[in-house]
Amino acid sequence: MSDAIKGNILTPAGWIHGELTFDERIASVIGAGADPALNEEVYILPGFIDLHVHGGGGKDVMEGGDAVRTIAAIHAKHGTTSMLATTMTAPPEDIDLALKGIGAAAAQRGVGEARVLGAHLEGPFINSGKLGAQPPYARSAKLADVRKLEQLAPLKLITVAPEIEGHLALVKELSEAGMRVQIGHTLGTYEDGVAALEHGAHGFTHLFNAMTGLHHREPGMVGAALAHARFAEFIPDLLHVHPGAIKTALRCIPHLYCVTDSTSATGMPDGEYMLGRHTVMKCMGGVRLPDGTLAGSTLTMDQALRNLVGLGLDLADASARVSTYAADYLGLSERGRLAPGAFADFVVLDRDLNLKAVYIEGELL
């Protein structure tokens, strides 16, 4: 027998005031179109989908083992129903260890955990001159290198600096192999970005951060994204990107979506934590290297949603940017939307957008 929940339900066709029935998947959504402003009932939104997660709860993806499960459970408590565990630039043995842990978590979701869809390989195929907070182990790659890693965990996203010799061909090969390639940690020019998109790259890793900026005579990688991208991720913690830059990107990139880029410090008190082989410091709401460089975040997706609404987005638009667009980007038609047949991944929010409940594949946390 299916369970049921009532409220203001955000469906692909818009808001419905009614009832959603479900078990592991959504059975039905019944009701009439309505403006949520005209009642005081809860909001029911698609569960959040985070494609860039390094850590949480004191655990880092690069630790391997069960660290990913702890991370998935921490983020689930903040409404993330599915996620990509994200690696750092590191020596080969460290990446192998991390991917083995990701592979195990992706193969079987545990009780109370977000669904781990696979891995986002953020390094090491990046530019050593634009590491950001990545450790100094950048290297170039060939398709055979990636194929070897793919045996350890499902590789759903790969961040690549396309200006590195041989990487433009790699972008094409990876894309043709069915992987999503993102441009990031790059010193590439506008022209490099356009060429990468033409070779099959699909998006940009933490837009604005760790890439060449926009100048009116040298548009840079940011210019390539603003002019040509359909999808890009960004970190809406209001530290990584100025609200004005976020609003610029919202006008330019139709499917701009949120990620947390969260670290092991997420959900933890101020202090020192690990990010790959780096020691980072959580203080004043951010995470930084000793030299002050931002090193990921402590953002959670429920706060990302509230930040977007605070910037002036309506709730339906904000919801798409913390859920549906990320699902669309990965080609996941059964997640990121509340419709019959889709997985019963959804969150219940009060009128102040605070989480009241989280359901993952029908399981109430």
Protein backbone atom coordinates (compact mmCIF):
# COMPACT_ATOMS: atom_id res chain seq x y z
CA MET A 1 0.00 0.00 0.00
CA SER A 2 1.37 3.40 -0.98
CA ASP A 3 2.10 6.22 1.45
CA ALA A 4 0.71 9.71 0.85
CA ILE A 5 1.57 13.30 1.66
CA LYS A 6 -0.40 16.51 1.10
CA GLY A 7 0.59 20.09 0.42
CA ASN A 8 1.78 22.41 -2.33
CA ILE A 9 3.48 20.01 -4.75
CA LEU A 10 5.90 21.33 -7.38
CA THR A 11 5.37 19.22 -10.51
CA PRO A 12 6.91 19.59 -13.99
CA ALA A 13 3.68 21.35 -15.01
CA GLY A 14 3.75 23.75 -12.05
CA TRP A 15 2.27 23.92 -8.57
CA ILE A 16 -0.51 21.55 -7.54
CA HIS A 17 -2.38 21.73 -4.26
CA GLY A 18 -3.14 18.13 -3.52
CA GLU A 19 -1.71 14.72 -2.64
CA LEU A 20 1.35 12.73 -3.70
CA THR A 21 1.24 8.95 -3.26
CA PHE A 22 4.38 6.83 -3.36
CA ASP A 23 6.39 3.80 -2.36
CA GLU A 24 9.92 3.58 -3.79
CA ARG A 25 8.60 5.55 -6.75
CA ILE A 26 5.85 8.12 -7.12
CA ALA A 27 2.51 6.46 -7.86
CA SER A 28 0.36 9.54 -8.42
CA VAL A 29 0.11 13.29 -8.02
CA ILE A 30 -3.52 14.33 -7.63
CA GLY A 31 -4.89 17.82 -7.19
CA ALA A 32 -5.58 21.13 -8.88
CA GLY A 33 -3.28 23.88 -10.03
CA ALA A 34 -2.87 26.45 -7.29
CA ASP A 35 -0.82 29.43 -6.15
CA PRO A 36 0.97 28.44 -2.91
CA ALA A 37 0.77 32.06 -1.78
CA LEU A 38 -2.97 31.59 -1.31
CA ASN A 39 -2.65 28.94 1.41
CA GLU A 40 -0.40 28.16 4.37
CA GLU A 41 0.42 24.51 3.66
CA VAL A 42 3.89 23.01 3.28
CA TYR A 43 5.96 22.99 0.10
CA ILE A 44 6.82 19.60 -1.42
CA LEU A 45 9.79 19.88 -3.80
CA PRO A 46 12.00 17.42 -5.70
CA GLY A 47 14.90 16.22 -3.56
CA PHE A 48 18.14 18.14 -4.00
CA ILE A 49 20.83 16.78 -6.34
CA ASP A 50 24.44 17.79 -5.66
CA LEU A 51 27.02 16.95 -8.32
CA HIS A 52 30.08 18.24 -6.44
CA VAL A 53 30.59 16.89 -2.90
CA HIS A 54 34.02 16.44 -1.31
CA GLY A 55 33.02 15.77 2.26
CA GLY A 56 30.93 16.35 5.36
CA GLY A 57 30.67 15.33 8.99
CA GLY A 58 34.43 15.36 9.40
CA LYS A 59 34.95 12.86 6.55
CA ASP A 60 36.65 13.43 3.19
CA VAL A 61 35.96 11.43 0.02
CA MET A 62 39.70 10.89 -0.44
CA GLU A 63 39.84 8.82 2.77
CA GLY A 64 38.19 5.93 0.92
CA GLY A 65 36.44 3.13 2.78
CA ASP A 66 33.12 4.08 4.35
CA ALA A 67 33.85 7.82 4.39
CA VAL A 68 31.49 8.36 1.44
CA ARG A 69 28.63 6.77 3.39
CA THR A 70 29.09 9.18 6.29
CA ILE A 71 29.17 12.07 3.83
CA ALA A 72 26.03 10.84 2.06
CA ALA A 73 24.18 10.59 5.38
CA ILE A 74 25.18 14.11 6.47
CA HIS A 75 24.01 15.66 3.21
CA ALA A 76 20.80 13.64 3.23
CA LYS A 77 19.85 15.39 6.47
CA HIS A 78 19.97 18.65 4.51
CA GLY A 79 17.71 17.43 1.73
CA THR A 80 20.25 16.02 -0.74
CA THR A 81 18.65 12.86 -2.10
CA SER A 82 21.34 12.03 -4.67
CA MET A 83 24.91 13.18 -5.20
CA LEU A 84 28.25 12.66 -6.90
CA ALA A 85 31.18 12.00 -4.56
CA THR A 86 34.01 14.21 -5.82
CA THR A 87 37.73 13.47 -5.87
CA MET A 88 40.69 15.81 -5.55
CA THR A 89 43.90 16.08 -7.55
CA ALA A 90 46.15 13.52 -5.86
CA PRO A 91 48.69 10.75 -6.49
CA PRO A 92 47.25 7.76 -8.38
CA GLU A 93 47.06 5.54 -5.30
CA ASP A 94 44.96 8.12 -3.43
CA ILE A 95 42.51 8.46 -6.32
CA ASP A 96 42.21 4.67 -6.59
CA LEU A 97 41.43 4.43 -2.87
CA ALA A 98 38.76 7.11 -3.11
CA LEU A 99 37.13 5.58 -6.18
CA LYS A 100 36.93 2.15 -4.55
CA GLY A 101 34.97 3.70 -1.68
CA ILE A 102 32.73 5.59 -4.10
CA GLY A 103 32.15 2.44 -6.13
CA ALA A 104 31.02 0.50 -3.06
CA ALA A 105 28.64 3.26 -1.96
CA ALA A 106 27.22 3.61 -5.47
CA ALA A 107 26.55 -0.12 -5.69
CA GLN A 108 24.35 -0.18 -2.57
CA ARG A 109 22.63 2.74 -0.84
CA GLY A 110 22.53 2.43 2.92
CA VAL A 111 19.65 3.43 5.19
CA GLY A 112 19.60 7.18 5.76
CA GLU A 113 22.06 7.89 2.94
CA ALA A 114 21.70 9.99 -0.17
CA ARG A 115 21.93 7.94 -3.34
CA VAL A 116 25.55 8.06 -4.53
CA LEU A 117 25.19 8.16 -8.31
CA GLY A 118 28.92 7.81 -8.93
CA ALA A 119 32.02 9.98 -9.03
CA HIS A 120 32.89 13.46 -10.17
CA LEU A 121 36.59 13.26 -11.02
CA GLU A 122 37.61 16.86 -10.38
CA GLY A 123 41.31 16.13 -10.68
CA PRO A 124 43.99 15.38 -11.69
CA PHE A 125 43.49 16.32 -15.36
CA ILE A 126 43.67 20.06 -14.71
CA ASN A 127 46.12 22.94 -15.18
CA SER A 128 48.87 23.09 -12.55
CA GLY A 129 48.78 26.88 -12.90
CA LYS A 130 45.14 27.08 -11.76
CA LEU A 131 44.95 24.61 -8.90
CA GLY A 132 42.79 26.74 -6.61
CA ALA A 133 42.64 24.58 -3.49
CA GLN A 134 43.71 21.42 -5.31
CA PRO A 135 46.97 19.76 -4.20
CA PRO A 136 49.89 19.95 -6.69
CA TYR A 137 49.46 16.61 -8.47
CA ALA A 138 47.98 17.75 -11.78
CA ARG A 139 48.80 15.69 -14.85
CA SER A 140 47.62 15.14 -18.40
CA ALA A 141 45.60 12.10 -19.40
CA LYS A 142 44.69 9.73 -22.19
CA LEU A 143 41.44 7.81 -22.61
CA ALA A 144 43.11 4.60 -21.39
CA ASP A 145 43.90 6.29 -18.06
CA VAL A 146 40.25 7.17 -17.54
CA ARG A 147 39.06 3.73 -18.62
CA LYS A 148 41.22 2.19 -15.92
CA LEU A 149 39.68 4.45 -13.27
CA GLU A 150 36.19 3.70 -14.56
CA GLN A 151 36.63 0.10 -13.44
CA LEU A 152 36.66 1.29 -9.80
CA ALA A 153 33.53 3.49 -9.80
CA PRO A 154 30.98 4.94 -12.23
CA LEU A 155 32.56 8.14 -13.58
CA LYS A 156 29.66 10.50 -14.25
CA LEU A 157 31.56 13.80 -14.49
CA ILE A 158 35.16 14.60 -15.32
CA THR A 159 36.71 18.04 -14.97
CA VAL A 160 39.35 18.76 -17.62
CA ALA A 161 41.54 21.74 -18.50
CA PRO A 162 41.16 21.67 -22.31
CA GLU A 163 44.23 23.80 -23.08
CA ILE A 164 46.62 21.06 -21.90
CA GLU A 165 48.25 19.27 -24.84
CA GLY A 166 46.18 16.27 -25.89
CA HIS A 167 43.17 17.20 -23.76
CA LEU A 168 41.01 18.55 -26.57
CA ALA A 169 41.09 15.11 -28.18
CA LEU A 170 40.44 13.58 -24.75
CA VAL A 171 37.34 15.75 -24.30
CA LYS A 172 35.95 14.37 -27.57
CA GLU A 173 36.78 10.77 -26.67
CA LEU A 174 35.25 11.01 -23.19
CA SER A 175 32.12 12.66 -24.51
CA GLU A 176 31.69 9.99 -27.19
CA ALA A 177 32.11 7.37 -24.45
CA GLY A 178 29.04 8.80 -22.69
CA MET A 179 30.75 10.79 -19.92
CA ARG A 180 29.96 14.38 -19.03
CA VAL A 181 33.05 16.53 -19.41
CA GLN A 182 33.33 19.84 -17.57
CA ILE A 183 35.83 22.62 -18.13
CA GLY A 184 37.55 23.74 -14.96
CA HIS A 185 40.75 24.58 -13.10
CA THR A 186 41.91 26.10 -16.34
CA LEU A 187 44.09 28.87 -17.72
CA GLY A 188 42.41 28.42 -21.10
CA THR A 189 41.26 31.27 -23.29
CA TYR A 190 37.80 32.01 -24.63
CA GLU A 191 38.85 30.21 -27.81
CA ASP A 192 39.95 27.15 -25.81
CA GLY A 193 36.55 27.06 -24.15
CA VAL A 194 34.66 27.31 -27.43
CA ALA A 195 36.83 24.55 -28.92
CA ALA A 196 36.18 22.30 -25.92
CA LEU A 197 32.42 22.80 -26.23
CA GLU A 198 32.65 21.99 -29.93
CA HIS A 199 34.53 18.79 -29.03
CA GLY A 200 31.76 17.66 -26.68
CA ALA A 201 32.35 19.35 -23.31
CA HIS A 202 29.00 19.94 -21.62
CA GLY A 203 29.54 22.27 -18.67
CA PHE A 204 31.84 24.26 -16.40
CA THR A 205 33.14 23.38 -12.95
CA HIS A 206 32.30 25.97 -10.24
CA LEU A 207 31.76 28.79 -12.74
CA PHE A 208 33.95 31.87 -12.12
CA ASN A 209 36.25 30.03 -9.70
CA ALA A 210 39.65 28.65 -10.84
CA MET A 211 39.31 29.82 -14.44
CA THR A 212 40.30 32.83 -16.55
CA GLY A 213 37.96 35.74 -15.97
CA LEU A 214 35.97 37.99 -18.25
CA HIS A 215 37.60 41.06 -19.79
CA HIS A 216 36.05 42.92 -22.70
CA ARG A 217 39.09 42.29 -24.93
CA GLU A 218 39.99 38.89 -23.46
CA PRO A 219 36.69 37.15 -22.63
CA GLY A 220 38.47 34.19 -21.02
CA MET A 221 36.86 30.95 -19.96
CA VAL A 222 34.15 32.81 -18.05
CA GLY A 223 33.27 34.60 -21.29
CA ALA A 224 33.03 31.28 -23.14
CA ALA A 225 30.64 29.97 -20.50
CA LEU A 226 28.45 33.07 -20.46
CA ALA A 227 28.28 33.21 -24.25
CA HIS A 228 27.82 29.54 -25.10
CA ALA A 229 27.00 27.23 -22.16
CA ARG A 230 23.63 25.60 -21.63
CA PHE A 231 24.73 24.06 -18.31
CA ALA A 232 27.21 25.14 -15.64
CA GLU A 233 27.59 24.56 -11.92
CA PHE A 234 28.21 27.32 -9.39
CA ILE A 235 28.62 27.57 -5.62
CA PRO A 236 25.90 29.82 -4.13
CA ASP A 237 27.39 30.22 -0.67
CA LEU A 238 27.76 33.97 -1.38
CA LEU A 239 31.49 33.69 -0.65
CA HIS A 240 32.72 32.03 -3.85
CA VAL A 241 30.72 34.22 -6.22
CA HIS A 242 29.38 37.76 -5.76
CA PRO A 243 25.57 38.02 -6.02
CA GLY A 244 25.99 40.33 -9.02
CA ALA A 245 28.04 37.70 -10.85
CA ILE A 246 25.43 35.07 -10.01
CA LYS A 247 22.70 37.27 -11.48
CA THR A 248 24.81 37.77 -14.62
CA ALA A 249 25.18 34.02 -15.06
CA LEU A 250 21.48 33.45 -14.43
CA ARG A 251 20.68 35.72 -17.36
CA CYS A 252 23.19 34.00 -19.66
CA ILE A 253 23.15 30.26 -18.89
CA PRO A 254 19.66 28.73 -19.09
CA HIS A 255 20.38 25.67 -16.95
CA LEU A 256 22.76 27.10 -14.37
CA TYR A 257 22.60 24.80 -11.36
CA CYS A 258 23.90 24.74 -7.79
CA VAL A 259 26.57 22.59 -6.17
CA THR A 260 27.96 22.80 -2.67
CA ASP A 261 31.64 21.88 -3.27
CA SER A 262 31.32 20.92 0.38
CA THR A 263 34.25 19.67 2.45
CA SER A 264 34.74 17.52 5.53
CA ALA A 265 34.13 20.67 7.61
CA THR A 266 30.45 20.70 6.59
CA GLY A 267 28.26 20.26 9.65
CA MET A 268 31.27 20.56 11.96
CA PRO A 269 32.57 23.25 14.35
CA ASP A 270 35.33 25.69 13.40
CA GLY A 271 38.79 24.12 13.28
CA GLU A 272 41.22 22.21 11.06
CA TYR A 273 40.06 19.57 8.58
CA MET A 274 41.48 17.60 5.66
CA LEU A 275 40.71 18.24 2.00
CA GLY A 276 42.59 15.57 0.11
CA ARG A 277 46.23 16.08 1.18
CA HIS A 278 45.59 19.69 2.24
CA THR A 279 44.87 20.85 5.78
CA VAL A 280 42.15 23.49 5.67
CA MET A 281 40.66 25.81 8.29
CA LYS A 282 36.96 26.37 8.83
CA CYS A 283 36.26 29.84 10.23
CA MET A 284 33.92 32.79 9.62
CA GLY A 285 31.52 30.63 7.60
CA GLY A 286 34.13 29.51 5.05
CA VAL A 287 36.93 27.02 4.47
CA ARG A 288 40.38 28.26 3.49
CA LEU A 289 43.97 27.22 2.97
CA PRO A 290 46.58 28.87 5.25
CA ASP A 291 47.20 31.54 2.57
CA GLY A 292 43.52 32.51 2.57
CA THR A 293 42.51 30.72 -0.66
CA LEU A 294 38.95 29.45 -0.54
CA ALA A 295 39.05 25.66 -0.25
CA GLY A 296 35.59 24.32 -0.93
CA SER A 297 32.69 25.25 1.31
CA THR A 298 30.46 24.20 4.18
CA LEU A 299 27.33 24.86 2.15
CA THR A 300 24.37 22.48 2.22
CA MET A 301 21.71 22.33 -0.48
CA ASP A 302 18.86 23.50 1.74
CA GLN A 303 20.85 26.68 2.42
CA ALA A 304 21.64 26.97 -1.29
CA LEU A 305 17.90 27.01 -1.99
CA ARG A 306 17.31 29.71 0.63
CA ASN A 307 20.21 31.77 -0.75
CA LEU A 308 18.74 31.67 -4.26
CA VAL A 309 15.34 32.78 -3.00
CA GLY A 310 17.11 35.52 -1.05
CA LEU A 311 18.63 36.71 -4.34
CA GLY A 312 15.14 37.15 -5.77
CA LEU A 313 14.44 33.85 -7.55
CA ASP A 314 10.96 32.44 -7.16
CA LEU A 315 10.78 29.09 -5.38
CA ALA A 316 10.03 27.04 -8.49
CA ASP A 317 13.04 28.47 -10.34
CA ALA A 318 15.29 27.98 -7.32
CA SER A 319 14.07 24.38 -6.97
CA ALA A 320 15.02 23.60 -10.57
CA ARG A 321 18.53 24.90 -9.91
CA VAL A 322 19.09 22.67 -6.87
CA SER A 323 17.54 19.59 -8.43
CA THR A 324 15.98 19.27 -11.88
CA TYR A 325 18.72 20.87 -13.96
CA ALA A 326 21.40 18.67 -12.39
CA ALA A 327 19.29 15.59 -13.15
CA ASP A 328 18.76 16.77 -16.72
CA TYR A 329 22.49 17.38 -17.09
CA LEU A 330 23.24 13.75 -16.25
CA GLY A 331 20.29 12.49 -18.30
CA LEU A 332 18.40 11.23 -15.22
CA SER A 333 14.74 11.38 -16.24
CA GLU A 334 13.61 9.51 -13.10
CA ARG A 335 15.07 12.01 -10.61
CA GLY A 336 14.73 15.72 -9.98
CA ARG A 337 10.99 15.86 -10.70
CA LEU A 338 7.75 14.92 -8.95
CA ALA A 339 5.86 12.86 -11.50
CA PRO A 340 4.44 9.32 -11.63
CA GLY A 341 7.19 6.77 -12.21
CA ALA A 342 10.00 8.95 -10.89
CA PHE A 343 11.84 7.93 -7.74
CA ALA A 344 10.15 9.18 -4.59
CA ASP A 345 12.95 11.64 -3.80
CA PHE A 346 11.44 14.75 -2.27
CA VAL A 347 11.70 17.27 0.54
CA VAL A 348 9.02 18.91 2.65
CA LEU A 349 9.62 22.55 3.61
CA ASP A 350 7.75 24.89 5.92
CA ARG A 351 6.76 28.37 4.80
CA ASP A 352 10.18 29.75 5.85
CA LEU A 353 11.89 27.11 3.66
CA ASN A 354 13.17 25.10 6.60
CA LEU A 355 13.31 21.33 6.12
CA LYS A 356 10.56 19.35 7.79
CA ALA A 357 11.12 15.97 6.12
CA VAL A 358 13.33 14.22 3.56
CA TYR A 359 12.30 11.15 1.54
CA ILE A 360 14.87 9.17 -0.47
CA GLU A 361 13.45 6.50 -2.79
CA GLY A 362 10.41 6.42 -0.52
CA GLU A 363 12.40 6.16 2.73
CA LEU A 364 11.60 8.80 5.35
CA LEU A 365 14.82 9.87 7.04
